[in-house]
Protein backbone atom coordinates (compact mmCIF):
# COMPACT_ATOMS: atom_id res chain seq x y z
CA MET A 1 -68.09 91.83 44.50
CA SER A 2 -69.21 91.36 48.16
CA GLY A 3 -71.96 93.68 49.52
CA GLY A 4 -73.52 94.54 52.93
CA LEU A 5 -77.03 94.97 53.72
CA LEU A 6 -77.85 95.78 57.25
CA GLY A 7 -74.42 95.69 58.96
CA GLY A 8 -72.53 97.74 56.32
CA GLU A 9 -72.88 100.21 53.49
CA ALA A 10 -74.73 98.62 50.65
CA ALA A 11 -73.22 99.12 47.01
CA PRO A 12 -75.29 101.83 45.09
CA ARG A 13 -77.54 100.46 42.49
CA PRO A 14 -76.14 100.74 39.10
CA PRO A 15 -78.55 102.53 36.74
CA ASP A 16 -77.83 100.43 33.66
CA PHE A 17 -78.89 96.99 34.67
CA LEU A 18 -81.91 95.77 32.87
CA LYS A 19 -82.89 93.18 35.71
CA ARG A 20 -81.81 92.46 39.25
CA ILE A 21 -82.05 88.75 39.85
CA LEU A 22 -81.72 87.22 43.31
CA VAL A 23 -80.28 83.60 43.75
CA THR A 24 -80.71 82.02 47.05
CA GLY A 25 -78.28 79.37 48.17
CA GLY A 26 -76.00 80.48 45.27
CA ALA A 27 -72.69 79.27 46.84
CA GLY A 28 -73.92 75.75 47.08
CA PHE A 29 -74.21 72.89 44.54
CA ILE A 30 -77.96 71.47 45.06
CA ARG A 31 -79.41 68.48 47.11
CA GLY A 32 -77.59 65.87 49.05
CA ASN A 33 -77.31 62.46 50.52
CA TRP A 34 -74.60 59.79 50.85
CA ARG A 35 -73.79 56.00 50.91
CA GLY A 36 -75.80 55.54 47.73
CA SER A 37 -78.99 57.14 48.62
CA VAL A 38 -78.72 59.86 46.15
CA ARG A 39 -80.01 63.44 46.53
CA GLU A 40 -77.98 66.10 44.85
CA LEU A 41 -79.12 69.64 44.84
CA ILE A 42 -79.02 71.38 41.45
CA GLY A 43 -75.79 73.27 41.03
CA ALA A 44 -76.96 76.71 42.22
CA SER A 45 -73.33 77.99 41.92
CA HIS A 46 -73.28 76.82 38.24
CA VAL A 47 -76.48 78.82 37.67
CA VAL A 48 -74.93 81.85 39.26
CA VAL A 49 -71.86 81.75 37.06
CA SER A 50 -74.04 81.08 33.99
CA LEU A 51 -76.26 84.15 34.72
CA VAL A 52 -73.26 86.34 35.25
CA GLU A 53 -71.48 85.28 32.14
CA LYS A 54 -74.51 85.32 29.87
CA TYR A 55 -76.33 88.30 31.04
CA PRO A 56 -73.75 91.16 31.66
CA ASN A 57 -76.60 93.64 31.55
CA TYR A 58 -78.32 91.81 34.70
CA MET A 59 -77.07 92.36 38.17
CA ILE A 60 -76.95 88.82 39.82
CA ILE A 61 -77.31 89.02 43.53
CA ASN A 62 -76.13 85.82 45.38
CA LEU A 63 -77.73 85.23 48.90
CA ASP A 64 -76.19 82.42 50.86
CA LYS A 65 -75.85 81.56 54.62
CA LEU A 66 -72.42 79.79 53.85
CA ASP A 67 -73.33 76.62 55.60
CA TYR A 68 -71.02 73.79 55.85
CA CYS A 69 -71.67 72.48 52.22
CA SER A 70 -71.31 75.95 50.69
CA SER A 71 -68.10 77.55 49.31
CA LEU A 72 -67.24 80.94 47.67
CA ARG A 73 -64.53 79.05 45.99
CA ASN A 74 -67.26 77.88 43.65
CA LEU A 75 -67.67 81.47 42.42
CA GLU A 76 -64.14 82.76 42.30
CA ILE A 77 -64.36 82.82 38.47
CA ILE A 78 -66.96 85.72 38.56
CA SER A 79 -66.28 87.27 41.94
CA GLU A 80 -64.89 90.49 40.49
CA ASN A 81 -67.49 90.99 37.83
CA LYS A 82 -69.45 94.14 38.02
CA ASN A 83 -72.75 92.45 37.55
CA TYR A 84 -72.22 90.13 40.47
CA LYS A 85 -72.86 90.73 44.17
CA PHE A 86 -72.65 88.41 47.22
CA ILE A 87 -74.66 88.93 50.39
CA GLN A 88 -74.37 86.60 53.30
CA GLY A 89 -77.77 86.06 55.16
CA ASP A 90 -80.48 83.61 56.20
CA ILE A 91 -83.66 83.30 54.47
CA CYS A 92 -85.41 82.49 57.78
CA GLU A 93 -84.88 86.06 59.04
CA PRO A 94 -87.96 88.00 57.98
CA ASN A 95 -86.46 91.54 58.60
CA PHE A 96 -83.31 90.99 56.87
CA ILE A 97 -85.13 89.50 53.85
CA LYS A 98 -87.63 92.41 53.86
CA ALA A 99 -84.78 94.87 53.84
CA LEU A 100 -82.95 92.73 51.15
CA PHE A 101 -85.81 93.26 48.81
CA GLU A 102 -86.41 96.89 49.59
CA THR A 103 -82.59 97.76 49.17
CA GLU A 104 -81.75 95.64 46.03
CA LYS A 105 -84.98 96.20 44.13
CA ILE A 106 -85.19 92.59 43.06
CA ASP A 107 -87.01 91.58 39.58
CA ILE A 108 -86.73 87.82 39.55
CA VAL A 109 -85.87 85.24 42.30
CA LEU A 110 -84.50 81.70 41.91
CA HIS A 111 -84.98 80.09 45.30
CA PHE A 112 -82.42 77.20 45.76
CA ALA A 113 -81.53 77.68 49.44
CA ALA A 114 -82.52 74.56 51.53
CA GLN A 115 -81.60 71.87 53.88
CA THR A 116 -81.17 68.92 51.55
CA TYR A 117 -79.24 66.21 53.20
CA VAL A 118 -81.75 63.41 53.12
CA ASP A 119 -80.28 61.09 55.66
CA LEU A 120 -79.93 63.92 58.12
CA SER A 121 -83.50 64.80 57.66
CA PHE A 122 -84.51 61.56 59.58
CA TRP A 123 -82.64 63.07 62.62
CA ARG A 124 -83.54 66.80 62.12
CA LYS A 125 -86.97 66.99 61.01
CA LEU A 126 -87.89 70.30 62.94
CA GLU A 127 -84.72 72.07 61.36
CA PHE A 128 -85.61 70.79 57.72
CA ASN A 129 -89.23 72.16 58.19
CA TYR A 130 -87.95 75.39 59.60
CA VAL A 131 -85.50 76.18 56.86
CA ASN A 132 -87.23 74.50 53.85
CA VAL A 133 -90.90 75.45 54.66
CA TYR A 134 -90.65 78.63 56.98
CA GLY A 135 -87.65 79.97 55.02
CA THR A 136 -89.69 79.59 51.77
CA TYR A 137 -92.69 81.28 53.40
CA VAL A 138 -90.60 84.20 54.47
CA LEU A 139 -89.02 84.51 51.05
CA VAL A 140 -92.21 84.21 48.96
CA GLY A 141 -94.08 86.64 51.13
CA ALA A 142 -91.40 89.28 50.87
CA ALA A 143 -91.13 88.65 47.03
CA TYR A 144 -94.86 89.22 46.75
CA GLU A 145 -94.80 92.42 48.77
CA ALA A 146 -91.96 93.67 46.50
CA ASN A 147 -94.03 92.89 43.37
CA VAL A 148 -91.30 90.74 41.63
CA GLU A 149 -91.97 89.70 38.03
CA LYS A 150 -91.20 85.94 38.59
CA PHE A 151 -90.47 83.69 41.55
CA ILE A 152 -88.84 80.29 40.70
CA TYR A 153 -89.00 77.70 43.48
CA VAL A 154 -86.61 74.87 43.16
CA SER A 155 -88.14 71.67 44.27
CA THR A 156 -87.25 67.93 43.77
CA ASP A 157 -88.35 64.77 42.08
CA GLU A 158 -88.69 63.24 45.49
CA VAL A 159 -91.97 64.97 46.17
CA TYR A 160 -93.51 62.26 43.81
CA GLY A 161 -92.31 59.39 45.98
CA GLY A 162 -90.92 56.32 44.30
CA SER A 163 -91.81 54.41 41.23
CA CYS A 164 -90.26 51.42 39.38
CA ASP A 165 -91.56 52.03 36.05
CA LYS A 166 -94.46 54.81 35.75
CA GLU A 167 -93.18 58.12 34.74
CA PHE A 168 -94.34 61.10 36.71
CA ASP A 169 -95.59 64.12 34.91
CA GLU A 170 -96.36 67.50 36.59
CA SER A 171 -99.85 66.50 37.44
CA SER A 172 -98.90 63.28 39.44
CA PRO A 173 -99.77 63.47 42.99
CA LYS A 174 -97.17 64.44 45.64
CA GLN A 175 -96.39 61.43 47.75
CA PRO A 176 -93.18 62.20 49.63
CA THR A 177 -91.61 59.33 51.72
CA ASN A 178 -88.86 61.15 53.63
CA PRO A 179 -88.69 64.31 55.87
CA TYR A 180 -86.71 66.19 53.31
CA ALA A 181 -89.10 65.52 50.48
CA THR A 182 -92.01 66.33 52.73
CA SER A 183 -90.62 69.66 53.76
CA LYS A 184 -90.07 70.43 49.96
CA ALA A 185 -93.66 69.29 49.04
CA ALA A 186 -94.99 71.57 51.97
CA ALA A 187 -93.06 74.50 50.76
CA GLU A 188 -94.39 73.87 47.13
CA CYS A 189 -97.84 74.33 48.71
CA PHE A 190 -96.94 77.73 50.16
CA VAL A 191 -95.67 78.88 46.84
CA GLN A 192 -98.61 77.61 44.83
CA SER A 193 -101.12 79.35 47.20
CA TYR A 194 -99.52 82.68 46.23
CA TRP A 195 -100.38 81.93 42.62
CA GLU A 196 -103.84 80.54 43.32
CA ARG A 197 -104.80 83.40 45.59
CA TYR A 198 -103.01 86.52 44.15
CA GLN A 199 -101.99 85.25 40.72
CA PHE A 200 -98.33 85.89 41.84
CA PRO A 201 -96.05 84.76 39.09
CA ALA A 202 -94.61 81.71 40.72
CA VAL A 203 -92.95 78.75 38.82
CA ILE A 204 -91.93 75.40 40.31
CA THR A 205 -89.19 73.04 39.06
CA ARG A 206 -88.60 69.45 39.94
CA SER A 207 -85.20 68.12 38.96
CA SER A 208 -83.49 64.84 38.67
CA ASN A 209 -80.25 64.26 40.35
CA VAL A 210 -77.44 66.59 39.39
CA TYR A 211 -73.68 65.94 39.38
CA GLY A 212 -70.55 67.76 38.37
CA PRO A 213 -67.51 69.83 39.75
CA HIS A 214 -67.91 71.82 43.02
CA GLN A 215 -70.38 69.47 44.64
CA PHE A 216 -69.79 68.83 48.29
CA PRO A 217 -68.45 65.10 48.83
CA GLU A 218 -71.55 64.18 50.97
CA LYS A 219 -73.38 63.65 47.74
CA VAL A 220 -73.06 60.12 46.17
CA ILE A 221 -71.10 60.79 43.08
CA PRO A 222 -68.31 62.90 44.75
CA LYS A 223 -68.42 60.82 47.84
CA PHE A 224 -67.68 57.62 45.92
CA ILE A 225 -64.96 59.43 43.85
CA SER A 226 -63.26 60.76 47.04
CA LEU A 227 -63.49 57.58 48.80
CA LEU A 228 -61.93 55.60 46.05
CA GLN A 229 -59.20 58.28 45.62
CA GLN A 230 -58.37 57.70 49.27
CA ASN A 231 -58.30 53.86 48.73
CA ARG A 232 -61.59 53.33 50.61
CA LYS A 233 -64.69 51.43 49.56
CA CYS A 234 -67.89 52.87 48.31
CA CYS A 235 -70.65 52.41 50.89
CA ILE A 236 -74.02 51.42 49.45
CA HIS A 237 -77.38 51.62 51.17
CA GLY A 238 -79.35 48.22 51.17
CA SER A 239 -79.36 46.37 47.97
CA GLY A 240 -77.98 49.14 45.79
CA LEU A 241 -80.85 48.44 43.30
CA GLN A 242 -82.27 51.92 43.55
CA ARG A 243 -82.11 53.64 40.14
CA ARG A 244 -81.48 57.23 39.68
CA ASN A 245 -81.50 59.52 36.73
CA PHE A 246 -78.30 61.88 36.41
CA LEU A 247 -77.99 65.34 34.81
CA TYR A 248 -74.76 67.19 34.41
CA ALA A 249 -74.61 70.70 36.16
CA SER A 250 -74.18 72.71 33.11
CA ASP A 251 -77.34 71.11 31.47
CA VAL A 252 -79.42 71.92 34.70
CA ALA A 253 -78.11 75.42 34.83
CA GLU A 254 -79.28 75.82 31.16
CA ALA A 255 -82.64 74.46 32.18
CA PHE A 256 -83.02 77.14 34.93
CA LEU A 257 -82.10 79.92 32.44
CA THR A 258 -84.72 78.41 30.22
CA VAL A 259 -87.26 78.53 32.87
CA MET A 260 -86.36 82.11 33.73
CA LYS A 261 -86.87 83.27 30.19
CA LYS A 262 -89.74 81.09 29.13
CA GLY A 263 -91.36 79.50 32.10
CA GLN A 264 -95.02 80.35 32.43
CA PRO A 265 -96.46 81.61 35.89
CA GLY A 266 -98.37 79.07 37.78
CA GLU A 267 -96.65 76.20 35.85
CA ILE A 268 -94.61 73.22 37.21
CA TYR A 269 -91.75 71.98 35.06
CA ASN A 270 -89.97 68.53 35.38
CA ILE A 271 -86.19 68.78 34.61
CA GLY A 272 -85.14 65.32 33.85
CA THR A 273 -83.18 62.75 31.75
CA ASN A 274 -83.79 59.27 30.44
CA PHE A 275 -80.37 58.27 31.39
CA GLU A 276 -80.42 56.21 34.58
CA MET A 277 -78.47 53.69 36.44
CA SER A 278 -78.72 51.77 39.85
CA ILE A 279 -76.43 52.82 42.67
CA THR A 280 -74.57 49.48 42.28
CA GLN A 281 -73.99 50.20 38.61
CA LEU A 282 -72.88 53.59 39.60
CA ALA A 283 -70.32 52.38 42.16
CA LYS A 284 -68.97 49.64 39.74
CA GLU A 285 -68.44 52.28 36.95
CA LEU A 286 -66.54 54.70 39.15
CA ILE A 287 -64.52 51.87 40.52
CA HIS A 288 -63.57 50.68 37.13
CA LEU A 289 -62.71 54.26 36.04
CA ILE A 290 -60.65 55.20 38.99
CA LYS A 291 -59.17 51.82 40.14
CA ASN A 292 -58.89 50.29 36.62
CA THR A 293 -60.39 46.99 37.76
CA SER A 294 -60.31 44.12 35.36
CA SER A 295 -62.76 41.65 36.91
CA GLU A 296 -66.05 41.60 38.67
CA ALA A 297 -64.59 40.09 41.73
CA GLU A 298 -61.97 42.84 41.89
CA THR A 299 -64.63 45.50 41.47
CA GLU A 300 -66.73 44.00 44.32
CA CYS A 301 -63.66 44.19 46.72
CA TRP A 302 -64.20 48.14 46.66
CA MET A 303 -67.97 48.02 47.63
CA ASP A 304 -69.45 47.88 51.06
CA TYR A 305 -73.18 47.17 51.48
CA VAL A 306 -74.63 48.82 54.68
CA LYS A 307 -78.00 48.86 56.27
CA ASP A 308 -80.54 50.84 54.47
CA ARG A 309 -82.31 54.02 55.72
CA PRO A 310 -86.03 53.89 56.76
CA THR A 311 -87.20 54.62 53.27
CA ASN A 312 -85.26 54.68 50.15
CA ASP A 313 -87.32 55.03 46.89
CA LEU A 314 -86.57 52.75 44.04
CA GLY A 315 -86.58 55.56 41.46
CA TYR A 316 -87.99 58.85 40.12
CA PRO A 317 -88.66 58.51 36.34
CA MET A 318 -90.11 61.77 35.04
CA ASP A 319 -91.72 62.96 31.84
CA SER A 320 -89.84 66.22 30.82
CA GLY A 321 -92.04 67.00 27.79
CA LYS A 322 -92.87 70.46 29.08
CA MET A 323 -89.33 71.50 29.44
CA HIS A 324 -88.62 70.01 25.77
CA SER A 325 -91.50 72.40 24.54
CA LEU A 326 -89.63 75.33 25.88
CA GLY A 327 -86.52 74.26 23.87
CA TRP A 328 -84.45 72.55 26.55
CA ARG A 329 -82.86 69.19 26.47
CA PRO A 330 -79.89 67.83 28.14
CA LYS A 331 -76.77 67.89 26.02
CA VAL A 332 -73.76 66.45 28.02
CA PRO A 333 -73.35 62.70 27.76
CA TRP A 334 -72.78 60.57 30.76
CA LYS A 335 -69.21 59.55 29.75
CA GLU A 336 -68.14 63.29 29.17
CA GLY A 337 -69.67 64.63 32.33
CA ILE A 338 -68.31 61.94 34.65
CA LYS A 339 -64.81 62.25 33.17
CA LYS A 340 -64.83 65.96 33.74
CA THR A 341 -66.17 65.37 37.35
CA ILE A 342 -63.48 62.72 38.18
CA GLU A 343 -60.83 64.99 36.96
CA TRP A 344 -62.00 68.00 39.04
CA TYR A 345 -62.20 66.10 42.30
CA GLN A 346 -58.74 64.51 41.68
CA GLU A 347 -57.37 68.15 41.62
CA ASN A 348 -59.71 69.94 44.15
CA PHE A 349 -60.92 67.50 46.86
CA HIS A 350 -58.56 68.77 49.50
CA ASN A 351 -59.59 72.42 49.11
CA TRP A 352 -63.09 71.53 50.60
CA LYS A 353 -63.48 72.55 54.25
CA ASN A 354 -65.02 69.55 56.11
CA ALA A 355 -64.61 67.31 53.16
CA GLU A 356 -63.01 64.52 55.16
CA LYS A 357 -65.68 64.80 57.64
CA ALA A 358 -68.39 64.25 54.92
CA LEU A 359 -66.90 60.99 54.09
CA GLU A 360 -67.32 59.42 57.54
CA PRO A 361 -70.28 56.95 57.95
CA PHE A 362 -73.59 58.54 59.00
CA PRO A 363 -75.67 56.47 61.58
CA VAL A 364 -78.52 54.63 60.24
CA VAL A 365 -81.95 56.00 61.62
CA GLU A 366 -84.29 53.47 62.94
CA GLU A 367 -88.14 53.94 62.27
CA SER A 368 -89.89 55.78 64.99
CA VAL A 369 -93.58 56.13 65.84
């Protein structure tokens, strides 16, 4: 179901829904980078589908600007459900957001919407701060005025900065090293300030890298898959030794449902996994699976090492013990998840608007003072 807000007649509020949940950025997947410098956003569309299917007595309201990396195709499976509503809009428009909360009577917010393409953040620092910091400021302020019962802010493991071996827990200091992560860390501060000052029931999550179907091919896994399917090489930043932890989208969706139900106000939760691999290892595995290479030399022929970006953290190992205490653990093994992901892109890549453009090289940004 699609609904208007300011420009058209809004659907009347059904009287029999127990909760009304707002998901921002719900037509997208979750964070993004390319050429091996990973940053996938958590699959917000996967979360929306899970909510609609698992909670038929909740109204799920999906607010999305429908930027280049979003697609309502991700939500066709639930688009006609009576407990689902889509609204197109921008979190950076205060009057629109205020009217949305007044009209829709929101109980819970899951805030995914953000600018997330790390490489692009070096070029467009102001835009990233405007959307990620100011947009969050607008949203959390409106949610506070509307007296919502829970506000979940979706952040990133990148706020910790990089580490080779030491695991980050939720009390580790924030030391972001790129403009994207800096904007997310700043937005966290706004959200936390509402808890500290008003005891506003805010919860923050920090997730590892997410992969799975429906992810825009600027992200490293779908990008490598799509390049190889077109007989093009995997482009890898720098040495390719950067290590990343990968979570399948359905596992992360389940984590957010767990936080929605059991997460405590004022708390931060790491959503991570012990499974990790380097970007070089990732490329080699995808090459072997898609191109059926039989030797190291043959595999190397499908890899292209390019100049690294100004900063590229070596890894983000996290302790997710607090999430485990809520009863959540990842379930989908890597081999199962990557097989499903490859199969989906083999069937659906050409359905993506702007997908071909996403595979083109992005200029390397030089350090500036």
